[in-house]
């Protein structure tokens, strides 16, 4: 959800939020990823709980989510993280 020109919540009919999790289901914060759609593409970073910002579009669009797993390592119990 964003904010409109007068500071009120701006909810679009077509919005989406992603959550990036490890194979074991642990949230992955600070992960860079790219979303591409006909209206444009953006690079984002996941928040503390592995969540993306909400994406809003004026109409329904097909989006491509790109994540490069080889660019980071998830903390594990064995690594002490």
C-alpha atoms as a PDB file:
ATOM      1  CA  UNK A   1       0.000   0.000   0.000  1.00  0.00           C
ATOM      2  CA  UNK A   2       1.273   3.436  -0.905  1.00  0.00           C
ATOM      3  CA  UNK A   3       0.166   6.973  -0.139  1.00  0.00           C
ATOM      4  CA  UNK A   4      -1.732   9.214  -2.557  1.00  0.00           C
ATOM      5  CA  UNK A   5      -1.086  12.917  -3.275  1.00  0.00           C
ATOM      6  CA  UNK A   6      -3.051  14.066  -0.209  1.00  0.00           C
ATOM      7  CA  UNK A   7      -1.379  11.637   2.193  1.00  0.00           C
ATOM      8  CA  UNK A   8      -4.148   9.050   2.426  1.00  0.00           C
ATOM      9  CA  UNK A   9      -3.574   5.324   1.920  1.00  0.00           C
ATOM     10  CA  UNK A  10      -3.611   4.442  -1.769  1.00  0.00           C
ATOM     11  CA  UNK A  11      -4.762   0.879  -2.311  1.00  0.00           C
ATOM     12  CA  UNK A  12      -4.666  -0.398  -5.871  1.00  0.00           C
ATOM     13  CA  UNK A  13      -6.816  -3.202  -7.192  1.00  0.00           C
ATOM     14  CA  UNK A  14      -3.696  -4.965  -8.465  1.00  0.00           C
ATOM     15  CA  UNK A  15      -1.040  -5.194  -5.782  1.00  0.00           C
ATOM     16  CA  UNK A  16       1.304  -7.958  -4.728  1.00  0.00           C
ATOM     17  CA  UNK A  17       3.740  -8.618  -1.898  1.00  0.00           C
ATOM     18  CA  UNK A  18       6.404 -11.322  -1.983  1.00  0.00           C
ATOM     19  CA  UNK A  19       8.178 -13.080   0.856  1.00  0.00           C
ATOM     20  CA  UNK A  20      11.577 -14.706   0.317  1.00  0.00           C
ATOM     21  CA  UNK A  21      12.199 -17.793   2.448  1.00  0.00           C
ATOM     22  CA  UNK A  22      15.010 -20.317   2.704  1.00  0.00           C
ATOM     23  CA  UNK A  23      14.255 -23.933   1.740  1.00  0.00           C
ATOM     24  CA  UNK A  24      13.573 -24.586   5.446  1.00  0.00           C
ATOM     25  CA  UNK A  25      11.037 -21.712   5.622  1.00  0.00           C
ATOM     26  CA  UNK A  26      13.243 -19.155   7.409  1.00  0.00           C
ATOM     27  CA  UNK A  27      12.700 -15.530   6.257  1.00  0.00           C
ATOM     28  CA  UNK A  28      15.653 -14.121   4.301  1.00  0.00           C
ATOM     29  CA  UNK A  29      16.168 -10.397   5.027  1.00  0.00           C
ATOM     30  CA  UNK A  30      18.410  -8.167   2.915  1.00  0.00           C
ATOM     31  CA  UNK A  31      18.086 -10.191  -0.297  1.00  0.00           C
ATOM     32  CA  UNK A  32      18.244  -8.241  -3.561  1.00  0.00           C
ATOM     33  CA  UNK A  33      15.879  -9.337  -6.312  1.00  0.00           C
ATOM     34  CA  UNK A  34      14.390  -7.920  -9.489  1.00  0.00           C
ATOM     35  CA  UNK A  35      10.777  -7.748 -10.584  1.00  0.00           C
ATOM     36  CA  UNK A  36      10.103  -7.113 -14.278  1.00  0.00           C
ATOM     37  CA  UNK A  37       6.692  -6.295 -15.761  1.00  0.00           C
ATOM     38  CA  UNK A  38       5.427  -4.603 -18.924  1.00  0.00           C
ATOM     39  CA  UNK A  39       5.172  -1.293 -17.010  1.00  0.00           C
ATOM     40  CA  UNK A  40       8.842  -1.487 -15.953  1.00  0.00           C
ATOM     41  CA  UNK A  41      11.331  -3.269 -13.768  1.00  0.00           C
ATOM     42  CA  UNK A  42      12.766  -2.554 -10.360  1.00  0.00           C
ATOM     43  CA  UNK A  43      15.413  -3.959  -8.039  1.00  0.00           C
ATOM     44  CA  UNK A  44      14.291  -4.350  -4.441  1.00  0.00           C
ATOM     45  CA  UNK A  45      15.684  -5.666  -1.145  1.00  0.00           C
ATOM     46  CA  UNK A  46      13.681  -7.773   1.293  1.00  0.00           C
ATOM     47  CA  UNK A  47      12.933  -6.361   4.736  1.00  0.00           C
ATOM     48  CA  UNK A  48      13.531  -7.849   8.191  1.00  0.00           C
ATOM     49  CA  UNK A  49      10.997 -10.660   7.694  1.00  0.00           C
ATOM     50  CA  UNK A  50      11.994 -11.394   4.091  1.00  0.00           C
ATOM     51  CA  UNK A  51       9.091  -9.334   2.730  1.00  0.00           C
ATOM     52  CA  UNK A  52       9.069  -7.147  -0.357  1.00  0.00           C
ATOM     53  CA  UNK A  53       7.489  -3.732  -0.579  1.00  0.00           C
ATOM     54  CA  UNK A  54       3.956  -3.911  -1.989  1.00  0.00           C
ATOM     55  CA  UNK A  55       3.905  -3.549  -5.764  1.00  0.00           C
ATOM     56  CA  UNK A  56       0.948  -1.584  -7.138  1.00  0.00           C
ATOM     57  CA  UNK A  57      -0.153  -1.459 -10.766  1.00  0.00           C
ATOM     58  CA  UNK A  58      -3.130   0.228 -12.388  1.00  0.00           C
ATOM     59  CA  UNK A  59      -4.072  -2.976 -14.209  1.00  0.00           C
ATOM     60  CA  UNK A  60      -3.291  -6.672 -14.036  1.00  0.00           C
ATOM     61  CA  UNK A  61       0.211  -7.462 -15.334  1.00  0.00           C
ATOM     62  CA  UNK A  62       2.359 -10.542 -15.618  1.00  0.00           C
ATOM     63  CA  UNK A  63       5.476 -10.064 -13.493  1.00  0.00           C
ATOM     64  CA  UNK A  64       8.759 -11.957 -13.472  1.00  0.00           C
ATOM     65  CA  UNK A  65      10.553 -12.412 -10.143  1.00  0.00           C
ATOM     66  CA  UNK A  66      14.329 -12.960 -10.421  1.00  0.00           C
ATOM     67  CA  UNK A  67      16.465 -14.081  -7.507  1.00  0.00           C
ATOM     68  CA  UNK A  68      20.075 -15.237  -7.747  1.00  0.00           C
ATOM     69  CA  UNK A  69      20.557 -17.875  -5.032  1.00  0.00           C
ATOM     70  CA  UNK A  70      24.296 -18.094  -5.665  1.00  0.00           C
ATOM     71  CA  UNK A  71      24.789 -14.488  -4.507  1.00  0.00           C
ATOM     72  CA  UNK A  72      24.111 -15.097  -0.811  1.00  0.00           C
ATOM     73  CA  UNK A  73      24.216 -17.762   1.873  1.00  0.00           C
ATOM     74  CA  UNK A  74      21.434 -18.215   4.393  1.00  0.00           C
ATOM     75  CA  UNK A  75      22.523 -18.431   8.046  1.00  0.00           C
ATOM     76  CA  UNK A  76      22.435 -21.942   9.427  1.00  0.00           C
ATOM     77  CA  UNK A  77      22.413 -23.424  12.913  1.00  0.00           C
ATOM     78  CA  UNK A  78      25.818 -24.946  12.177  1.00  0.00           C
ATOM     79  CA  UNK A  79      27.374 -21.580  11.265  1.00  0.00           C
ATOM     80  CA  UNK A  80      26.343 -20.066  14.609  1.00  0.00           C
ATOM     81  CA  UNK A  81      24.372 -17.279  12.885  1.00  0.00           C
END
